[in-house]
C-alpha atoms as a PDB file:
ATOM      1  CA  MET A   1      54.432   1.681 -64.869  1.00  0.00           C
ATOM      2  CA  ILE A   2      51.615   4.212 -64.675  1.00  0.00           C
ATOM      3  CA  LEU A   3      49.203   1.705 -66.169  1.00  0.00           C
ATOM      4  CA  GLY A   4      50.363  -0.881 -63.625  1.00  0.00           C
ATOM      5  CA  LEU A   5      49.800   1.470 -60.702  1.00  0.00           C
ATOM      6  CA  GLY A   6      46.385   2.422 -62.050  1.00  0.00           C
ATOM      7  CA  ALA A   7      45.398  -1.227 -62.378  1.00  0.00           C
ATOM      8  CA  CYS A   8      46.505  -1.921 -58.811  1.00  0.00           C
ATOM      9  CA  GLY A   9      44.566   1.064 -57.577  1.00  0.00           C
ATOM     10  CA  TYR A  10      41.430  -0.063 -59.382  1.00  0.00           C
ATOM     11  CA  VAL A  11      41.672  -3.588 -57.959  1.00  0.00           C
ATOM     12  CA  LEU A  12      42.368  -2.365 -54.424  1.00  0.00           C
ATOM     13  CA  GLY A  13      39.619   0.231 -54.560  1.00  0.00           C
ATOM     14  CA  ASN A  14      37.028  -2.182 -55.828  1.00  0.00           C
ATOM     15  CA  GLY A  15      38.269  -4.848 -53.445  1.00  0.00           C
ATOM     16  CA  TRP A  16      37.735  -2.619 -50.374  1.00  0.00           C
ATOM     17  CA  ARG A  17      34.403  -1.188 -51.495  1.00  0.00           C
ATOM     18  CA  PRO A  18      32.303  -4.309 -50.676  1.00  0.00           C
ATOM     19  CA  ARG A  19      34.014  -4.573 -47.305  1.00  0.00           C
ATOM     20  CA  LEU A  20      33.314  -0.911 -46.506  1.00  0.00           C
ATOM     21  CA  GLN A  21      29.747  -1.293 -47.703  1.00  0.00           C
ATOM     22  CA  TRP A  22      29.337  -4.428 -45.543  1.00  0.00           C
ATOM     23  CA  LYS A  23      30.737  -2.539 -42.532  1.00  0.00           C
ATOM     24  CA  ALA A  24      28.285   0.295 -43.120  1.00  0.00           C
ATOM     25  CA  GLU A  25      25.400  -2.157 -43.401  1.00  0.00           C
ATOM     26  CA  GLU A  26      26.561  -4.008 -40.278  1.00  0.00           C
ATOM     27  CA  ASN A  27      26.717  -0.736 -38.349  1.00  0.00           C
ATOM     28  CA  GLY A  28      23.258   0.123 -39.634  1.00  0.00           C
ATOM     29  CA  VAL A  29      21.881  -3.201 -38.430  1.00  0.00           C
ATOM     30  CA  LEU A  30      23.534  -2.760 -35.033  1.00  0.00           C
ATOM     31  CA  LEU A  31      22.127   0.758 -34.807  1.00  0.00           C
ATOM     32  CA  ARG A  32      18.643  -0.471 -35.636  1.00  0.00           C
ATOM     33  CA  GLU A  33      18.940  -3.313 -33.117  1.00  0.00           C
ATOM     34  CA  SER A  34      20.164  -0.890 -30.452  1.00  0.00           C
ATOM     35  CA  GLN A  35      17.223   1.397 -31.214  1.00  0.00           C
ATOM     36  CA  GLU A  36      14.803  -1.532 -30.994  1.00  0.00           C
ATOM     37  CA  TRP A  37      16.275  -2.616 -27.654  1.00  0.00           C
ATOM     38  CA  ALA A  38      16.031   0.962 -26.374  1.00  0.00           C
ATOM     39  CA  ASP A  39      12.397   1.201 -27.497  1.00  0.00           C
ATOM     40  CA  THR A  40      11.622  -2.145 -25.863  1.00  0.00           C
ATOM     41  CA  GLY A  41      13.324  -1.094 -22.627  1.00  0.00           C
ATOM     42  CA  PHE A  42      11.482   2.227 -22.559  1.00  0.00           C
ATOM     43  CA  SER A  43       8.150   0.501 -23.234  1.00  0.00           C
ATOM     44  CA  ALA A  44       8.829  -1.994 -20.429  1.00  0.00           C
ATOM     45  CA  ILE A  45       9.678   0.790 -17.982  1.00  0.00           C
ATOM     46  CA  LEU A  46       6.581   2.744 -19.010  1.00  0.00           C
ATOM     47  CA  LEU A  47       4.377  -0.338 -18.634  1.00  0.00           C
ATOM     48  CA  ALA A  48       5.873  -1.102 -15.205  1.00  0.00           C
ATOM     49  CA  ALA A  49       5.259   2.506 -14.131  1.00  0.00           C
ATOM     50  CA  VAL A  50       1.619   2.329 -15.257  1.00  0.00           C
ATOM     51  CA  ILE A  51       1.119  -0.999 -13.464  1.00  0.00           C
ATOM     52  CA  MET A  52       2.759   0.273 -10.258  1.00  0.00           C
ATOM     53  CA  PHE A  53       0.817   3.557 -10.277  1.00  0.00           C
ATOM     54  CA  PHE A  54      -2.631   2.308 -11.255  1.00  0.00           C
ATOM     55  CA  LEU A  55      -2.894  -1.469 -10.834  1.00  0.00           C
ATOM     56  CA  VAL A  56      -0.524  -3.320  -8.483  1.00  0.00           C
ATOM     57  CA  GLN A  57       2.024  -2.272  -5.881  1.00  0.00           C
ATOM     58  CA  ALA A  58       4.604  -4.397  -4.097  1.00  0.00           C
ATOM     59  CA  PHE A  59       4.615  -3.986  -0.315  1.00  0.00           C
ATOM     60  CA  LYS A  60       6.787  -5.365   2.491  1.00  0.00           C
ATOM     61  CA  ILE A  61       5.371  -5.894   5.985  1.00  0.00           C
ATOM     62  CA  PRO A  62       7.382  -3.652   8.334  1.00  0.00           C
ATOM     63  CA  SER A  63       6.150  -4.823  11.745  1.00  0.00           C
ATOM     64  CA  GLY A  64       4.288  -7.518  13.655  1.00  0.00           C
ATOM     65  CA  SER A  65       0.993  -5.619  13.963  1.00  0.00           C
ATOM     66  CA  MET A  66      -0.765  -7.964  11.507  1.00  0.00           C
ATOM     67  CA  ARG A  67       0.398 -11.254  13.042  1.00  0.00           C
ATOM     68  CA  SER A  68      -0.410 -13.999  12.416  1.00  0.00           C
ATOM     69  CA  THR A  69      -2.105 -13.128   9.119  1.00  0.00           C
ATOM     70  CA  LEU A  70       1.058 -11.386   7.913  1.00  0.00           C
ATOM     71  CA  LEU A  71       4.526 -11.570   9.433  1.00  0.00           C
ATOM     72  CA  GLU A  72       7.424  -9.127   9.523  1.00  0.00           C
ATOM     73  CA  GLY A  73       9.296  -9.253   6.232  1.00  0.00           C
ATOM     74  CA  ASP A  74       6.459 -10.793   4.192  1.00  0.00           C
ATOM     75  CA  HIS A  75       6.241  -9.511   0.619  1.00  0.00           C
ATOM     76  CA  LEU A  76       2.854  -9.003  -0.961  1.00  0.00           C
ATOM     77  CA  PHE A  77       1.067  -7.403  -3.879  1.00  0.00           C
ATOM     78  CA  VAL A  78      -1.577  -4.741  -3.309  1.00  0.00           C
ATOM     79  CA  ASN A  79      -4.547  -4.475  -5.661  1.00  0.00           C
ATOM     80  CA  LYS A  80      -4.725  -0.729  -6.339  1.00  0.00           C
ATOM     81  CA  PHE A  81      -7.605  -0.608  -8.825  1.00  0.00           C
ATOM     82  CA  ILE A  82     -10.260  -2.552  -6.895  1.00  0.00           C
ATOM     83  CA  TYR A  83     -11.295   0.572  -4.951  1.00  0.00           C
ATOM     84  CA  GLY A  84     -10.927   2.785  -8.035  1.00  0.00           C
ATOM     85  CA  VAL A  85      -8.107   4.289 -10.091  1.00  0.00           C
ATOM     86  CA  ARG A  86      -6.758   7.446  -8.502  1.00  0.00           C
ATOM     87  CA  ILE A  87      -6.418  10.488 -10.740  1.00  0.00           C
ATOM     88  CA  PRO A  88      -2.807  11.743 -10.414  1.00  0.00           C
ATOM     89  CA  TYR A  89      -2.250  14.663  -8.015  1.00  0.00           C
ATOM     90  CA  THR A  90      -5.831  14.466  -6.714  1.00  0.00           C
ATOM     91  CA  ASN A  91      -7.808  12.455  -4.158  1.00  0.00           C
ATOM     92  CA  ARG A  92     -10.458  11.528  -6.742  1.00  0.00           C
ATOM     93  CA  ARG A  93     -10.988   7.984  -7.989  1.00  0.00           C
ATOM     94  CA  VAL A  94     -12.674   6.675 -11.115  1.00  0.00           C
ATOM     95  CA  LEU A  95     -13.764   3.187 -12.220  1.00  0.00           C
ATOM     96  CA  ARG A  96     -14.400   2.040  -8.670  1.00  0.00           C
ATOM     97  CA  TRP A  97     -15.047  -1.712  -8.763  1.00  0.00           C
ATOM     98  CA  LYS A  98     -15.830  -2.295  -5.092  1.00  0.00           C
ATOM     99  CA  LYS A  99     -16.264  -0.452  -1.853  1.00  0.00           C
ATOM    100  CA  VAL A 100     -14.274  -1.301   1.249  1.00  0.00           C
ATOM    101  CA  GLN A 101     -15.922  -4.125   3.187  1.00  0.00           C
ATOM    102  CA  ARG A 102     -15.569  -5.015   6.837  1.00  0.00           C
ATOM    103  CA  GLY A 103     -12.699  -7.470   7.116  1.00  0.00           C
ATOM    104  CA  ASP A 104     -10.744  -6.174   4.101  1.00  0.00           C
ATOM    105  CA  VAL A 105      -6.980  -5.902   4.671  1.00  0.00           C
ATOM    106  CA  VAL A 106      -6.128  -2.465   3.323  1.00  0.00           C
ATOM    107  CA  VAL A 107      -2.984  -0.444   2.627  1.00  0.00           C
ATOM    108  CA  PHE A 108      -3.147   3.308   3.144  1.00  0.00           C
ATOM    109  CA  ARG A 109      -1.044   6.384   3.646  1.00  0.00           C
ATOM    110  CA  PHE A 110      -0.852   7.217   7.345  1.00  0.00           C
ATOM    111  CA  PRO A 111      -3.220  10.131   8.068  1.00  0.00           C
ATOM    112  CA  ALA A 112      -0.674  12.520   9.541  1.00  0.00           C
ATOM    113  CA  VAL A 113      -1.071  16.220   8.857  1.00  0.00           C
ATOM    114  CA  ASP A 114       2.030  17.231  10.785  1.00  0.00           C
ATOM    115  CA  ARG A 115       5.115  16.746   8.603  1.00  0.00           C
ATOM    116  CA  THR A 116       7.234  16.276  11.729  1.00  0.00           C
ATOM    117  CA  SER A 117       5.312  13.107  12.615  1.00  0.00           C
ATOM    118  CA  PRO A 118       7.570  10.018  12.408  1.00  0.00           C
ATOM    119  CA  HIS A 119       4.806   8.293  10.400  1.00  0.00           C
ATOM    120  CA  TYR A 120       4.165  11.124   7.932  1.00  0.00           C
ATOM    121  CA  GLY A 121       3.928   9.826   4.354  1.00  0.00           C
ATOM    122  CA  LYS A 122       4.406   6.177   5.363  1.00  0.00           C
ATOM    123  CA  ASP A 123       2.235   3.301   4.155  1.00  0.00           C
ATOM    124  CA  PHE A 124       0.362   1.299   6.792  1.00  0.00           C
ATOM    125  CA  ILE A 125      -1.496  -1.995   6.511  1.00  0.00           C
ATOM    126  CA  LYS A 126      -4.469  -2.830   8.758  1.00  0.00           C
ATOM    127  CA  ARG A 127      -7.851  -4.526   8.639  1.00  0.00           C
ATOM    128  CA  ALA A 128     -11.042  -2.536   8.089  1.00  0.00           C
ATOM    129  CA  ILE A 129     -13.240  -3.169  11.109  1.00  0.00           C
ATOM    130  CA  ALA A 130     -15.971  -0.580  10.658  1.00  0.00           C
ATOM    131  CA  LEU A 131     -17.334   1.578   7.838  1.00  0.00           C
ATOM    132  CA  PRO A 132     -18.632   5.168   7.675  1.00  0.00           C
ATOM    133  CA  GLY A 133     -21.578   5.610  10.031  1.00  0.00           C
ATOM    134  CA  ASP A 134     -20.819   2.474  12.090  1.00  0.00           C
ATOM    135  CA  THR A 135     -20.675   2.654  15.874  1.00  0.00           C
ATOM    136  CA  VAL A 136     -17.577   0.984  17.330  1.00  0.00           C
ATOM    137  CA  GLU A 137     -16.947  -0.059  20.897  1.00  0.00           C
ATOM    138  CA  ILE A 138     -14.313  -2.317  22.450  1.00  0.00           C
ATOM    139  CA  LYS A 139     -15.086  -4.028  25.767  1.00  0.00           C
ATOM    140  CA  ASP A 140     -12.310  -6.039  27.394  1.00  0.00           C
ATOM    141  CA  LYS A 141     -10.695  -6.659  23.957  1.00  0.00           C
ATOM    142  CA  ARG A 142     -13.982  -7.728  22.352  1.00  0.00           C
ATOM    143  CA  VAL A 143     -15.003  -5.605  19.351  1.00  0.00           C
ATOM    144  CA  PHE A 144     -18.618  -4.529  18.859  1.00  0.00           C
ATOM    145  CA  VAL A 145     -19.881  -2.889  15.669  1.00  0.00           C
ATOM    146  CA  ASN A 146     -23.369  -1.416  15.838  1.00  0.00           C
ATOM    147  CA  GLY A 147     -23.889  -3.299  19.089  1.00  0.00           C
ATOM    148  CA  VAL A 148     -22.991  -6.726  17.654  1.00  0.00           C
ATOM    149  CA  GLN A 149     -19.894  -8.569  18.856  1.00  0.00           C
ATOM    150  CA  GLN A 150     -17.668  -9.385  15.902  1.00  0.00           C
ATOM    151  CA  VAL A 151     -16.448 -12.906  15.120  1.00  0.00           C
ATOM    152  CA  GLU A 152     -12.738 -12.411  14.361  1.00  0.00           C
ATOM    153  CA  PRO A 153     -10.844 -15.651  13.689  1.00  0.00           C
ATOM    154  CA  TYR A 154      -7.884 -13.612  12.392  1.00  0.00           C
ATOM    155  CA  ALA A 155      -7.352 -11.643  15.629  1.00  0.00           C
ATOM    156  CA  GLN A 156      -4.787 -12.556  18.278  1.00  0.00           C
ATOM    157  CA  TRP A 157      -3.765 -11.189  21.664  1.00  0.00           C
ATOM    158  CA  GLU A 158      -0.335 -11.494  23.236  1.00  0.00           C
ATOM    159  CA  ASP A 159      -1.353 -11.081  26.872  1.00  0.00           C
ATOM    160  CA  ASN A 160      -4.358 -11.633  29.140  1.00  0.00           C
ATOM    161  CA  PHE A 161      -3.913  -8.355  30.971  1.00  0.00           C
ATOM    162  CA  LEU A 162      -6.831  -5.934  30.571  1.00  0.00           C
ATOM    163  CA  ILE A 163      -6.239  -2.189  30.594  1.00  0.00           C
ATOM    164  CA  PRO A 164      -9.306  -0.430  32.070  1.00  0.00           C
ATOM    165  CA  GLY A 165     -11.045   2.076  29.833  1.00  0.00           C
ATOM    166  CA  PRO A 166     -10.879   5.832  30.504  1.00  0.00           C
ATOM    167  CA  ASP A 167     -13.575   6.722  33.035  1.00  0.00           C
ATOM    168  CA  GLU A 168     -13.704  10.361  31.939  1.00  0.00           C
ATOM    169  CA  PHE A 169     -14.835   9.340  28.470  1.00  0.00           C
ATOM    170  CA  LYS A 170     -17.367   6.802  29.707  1.00  0.00           C
ATOM    171  CA  LYS A 171     -19.118   9.620  31.532  1.00  0.00           C
ATOM    172  CA  ASP A 172     -19.326  11.752  28.385  1.00  0.00           C
ATOM    173  CA  PRO A 173     -18.782   9.758  25.137  1.00  0.00           C
ATOM    174  CA  ALA A 174     -19.255  12.935  23.078  1.00  0.00           C
ATOM    175  CA  VAL A 175     -15.971  14.251  24.499  1.00  0.00           C
ATOM    176  CA  PHE A 176     -14.060  11.184  23.351  1.00  0.00           C
ATOM    177  CA  GLN A 177     -15.793  11.264  19.950  1.00  0.00           C
ATOM    178  CA  GLU A 178     -14.581  14.828  19.425  1.00  0.00           C
ATOM    179  CA  ILE A 179     -11.028  14.058  20.546  1.00  0.00           C
ATOM    180  CA  TRP A 180     -10.851  10.867  18.469  1.00  0.00           C
ATOM    181  CA  VAL A 181     -12.116  12.486  15.254  1.00  0.00           C
ATOM    182  CA  ALA A 182      -9.615  15.320  15.790  1.00  0.00           C
ATOM    183  CA  ARG A 183      -6.849  12.647  15.932  1.00  0.00           C
ATOM    184  CA  LYS A 184      -5.834  13.532  19.466  1.00  0.00           C
ATOM    185  CA  ALA A 185      -6.790  10.297  21.225  1.00  0.00           C
ATOM    186  CA  SER A 186      -3.184   9.274  21.882  1.00  0.00           C
ATOM    187  CA  LEU A 187      -2.489  12.752  23.291  1.00  0.00           C
ATOM    188  CA  SER A 188      -5.445  12.650  25.650  1.00  0.00           C
ATOM    189  CA  PRO A 189      -5.298  11.738  29.348  1.00  0.00           C
ATOM    190  CA  ALA A 190      -6.564   8.274  28.339  1.00  0.00           C
ATOM    191  CA  GLY A 191      -3.410   7.522  26.346  1.00  0.00           C
ATOM    192  CA  GLU A 192      -2.805   3.762  26.158  1.00  0.00           C
ATOM    193  CA  ASN A 193      -6.014   3.117  28.117  1.00  0.00           C
ATOM    194  CA  VAL A 194      -7.920   2.783  24.847  1.00  0.00           C
ATOM    195  CA  ARG A 195      -6.141  -0.456  23.898  1.00  0.00           C
ATOM    196  CA  ASP A 196      -8.618  -2.904  25.458  1.00  0.00           C
ATOM    197  CA  ASN A 197     -11.599  -0.661  26.168  1.00  0.00           C
ATOM    198  CA  PHE A 198     -12.564   1.958  23.628  1.00  0.00           C
ATOM    199  CA  GLY A 199     -15.528   4.120  22.640  1.00  0.00           C
ATOM    200  CA  PRO A 200     -18.260   4.027  21.728  1.00  0.00           C
ATOM    201  CA  ILE A 201     -17.537   6.245  18.735  1.00  0.00           C
ATOM    202  CA  VAL A 202     -19.237   6.770  15.380  1.00  0.00           C
ATOM    203  CA  VAL A 203     -17.036   6.500  12.282  1.00  0.00           C
ATOM    204  CA  PRO A 204     -17.434   9.792  10.401  1.00  0.00           C
ATOM    205  CA  PRO A 205     -18.445   9.932   6.706  1.00  0.00           C
ATOM    206  CA  GLY A 206     -15.641   9.152   4.268  1.00  0.00           C
ATOM    207  CA  ASN A 207     -13.580   7.338   6.912  1.00  0.00           C
ATOM    208  CA  TYR A 208     -12.928   3.834   8.255  1.00  0.00           C
ATOM    209  CA  PHE A 209     -12.011   2.283  11.576  1.00  0.00           C
ATOM    210  CA  VAL A 210      -8.976   0.025  11.100  1.00  0.00           C
ATOM    211  CA  MET A 211      -7.055  -2.269  13.452  1.00  0.00           C
ATOM    212  CA  GLY A 212      -4.114  -4.647  13.286  1.00  0.00           C
ATOM    213  CA  ASP A 213      -4.837  -8.351  13.770  1.00  0.00           C
ATOM    214  CA  ASN A 214      -2.230  -8.464  16.555  1.00  0.00           C
ATOM    215  CA  ARG A 215      -4.410  -6.363  18.832  1.00  0.00           C
ATOM    216  CA  ASP A 216      -2.029  -5.901  21.752  1.00  0.00           C
ATOM    217  CA  ARG A 217       0.852  -4.746  19.510  1.00  0.00           C
ATOM    218  CA  SER A 218      -0.847  -2.594  16.892  1.00  0.00           C
ATOM    219  CA  TYR A 219      -0.750   1.177  16.505  1.00  0.00           C
ATOM    220  CA  ASP A 220      -4.073   1.754  14.786  1.00  0.00           C
ATOM    221  CA  ALA A 221      -7.296   3.781  14.703  1.00  0.00           C
ATOM    222  CA  ARG A 222      -7.811   3.345  18.431  1.00  0.00           C
ATOM    223  CA  PHE A 223      -4.875   5.678  18.991  1.00  0.00           C
ATOM    224  CA  TRP A 224      -4.690   8.009  15.981  1.00  0.00           C
ATOM    225  CA  GLY A 225      -8.281   8.365  14.803  1.00  0.00           C
ATOM    226  CA  PRO A 226     -10.274   7.557  11.656  1.00  0.00           C
ATOM    227  CA  MET A 227      -8.613   6.522   8.385  1.00  0.00           C
ATOM    228  CA  PRO A 228      -9.791   8.725   5.466  1.00  0.00           C
ATOM    229  CA  ASP A 229     -10.913   7.148   2.217  1.00  0.00           C
ATOM    230  CA  ALA A 230      -8.658   9.680   0.444  1.00  0.00           C
ATOM    231  CA  ASN A 231      -5.613   7.951   2.010  1.00  0.00           C
ATOM    232  CA  LEU A 232      -6.620   4.508   0.794  1.00  0.00           C
ATOM    233  CA  LYS A 233      -4.139   2.873  -1.611  1.00  0.00           C
ATOM    234  CA  GLY A 234      -5.639  -0.572  -2.164  1.00  0.00           C
ATOM    235  CA  ARG A 235      -6.488  -4.001  -0.806  1.00  0.00           C
ATOM    236  CA  ALA A 236      -3.827  -6.536   0.131  1.00  0.00           C
ATOM    237  CA  TRP A 237      -4.079  -9.283  -2.470  1.00  0.00           C
ATOM    238  CA  LEU A 238      -1.285 -11.861  -2.717  1.00  0.00           C
ATOM    239  CA  LEU A 239       1.503 -12.896  -0.362  1.00  0.00           C
ATOM    240  CA  TYR A 240       4.290 -14.101  -2.689  1.00  0.00           C
ATOM    241  CA  LEU A 241       7.377 -14.252  -0.450  1.00  0.00           C
ATOM    242  CA  PRO A 242       8.456 -16.318   1.353  1.00  0.00           C
ATOM    243  CA  PHE A 243       7.183 -18.794  -1.203  1.00  0.00           C
ATOM    244  CA  ARG A 244       6.326 -21.437   1.395  1.00  0.00           C
ATOM    245  CA  ARG A 245       3.669 -19.047   2.781  1.00  0.00           C
ATOM    246  CA  TRP A 246       2.193 -18.128  -0.622  1.00  0.00           C
ATOM    247  CA  LYS A 247      -1.514 -17.320  -0.264  1.00  0.00           C
ATOM    248  CA  ILE A 248      -4.378 -15.051  -1.218  1.00  0.00           C
ATOM    249  CA  ILE A 249      -4.774 -12.590   1.655  1.00  0.00           C
ATOM    250  CA  ARG A 250      -8.114 -12.618   3.469  1.00  0.00           C
END
């Protein structure tokens, strides 16, 4: 009887051992696979973070200020490294491939100092019209840079009405230059009068003069002053949605 029970125990014990060993190995394989998936997922997230921070950023057009180049709701990629890779938590850039050129469509952080501003911290997209040191003047909607009227096939106007320029600034351009550089143009007596007739002003060092392509419906440098290079995020590169309007942005 005792021998019989011992024999049964031996058979049962040895019969279960391979199964238990197989289970342990199976669990080990699953654990290794789970670890590999976790490592892959972490690497993918890290790579996406690096790409988003240093190389490319997705952007959605929030308004009609860039019509008809870009429409409300368009999705595009922004090339963030073309103007240099920004060092985190600083305004310094390294590995700068190109400088901003007139006509570039750029994305930037709105230059608001006041945290109560409704645009504080928001990203804007406009076209670079003039560079540091350039003289800008707008006469009856026509843009002049350094005295030369610009050929702008991308620009559009929604009405034929002309808003006269501010007489007080025509008499003393230095006054308007000071107010504009101080970002108080929209708070001045001129107000909306700068839409169709503006300047002349000189773009200060380290800044750009930017405008929307939809000139009559764009809140841009005419109203809030120069755009600092430190606020620059990148150049608009590729419109990918809606797919039927896919194009390289120029």
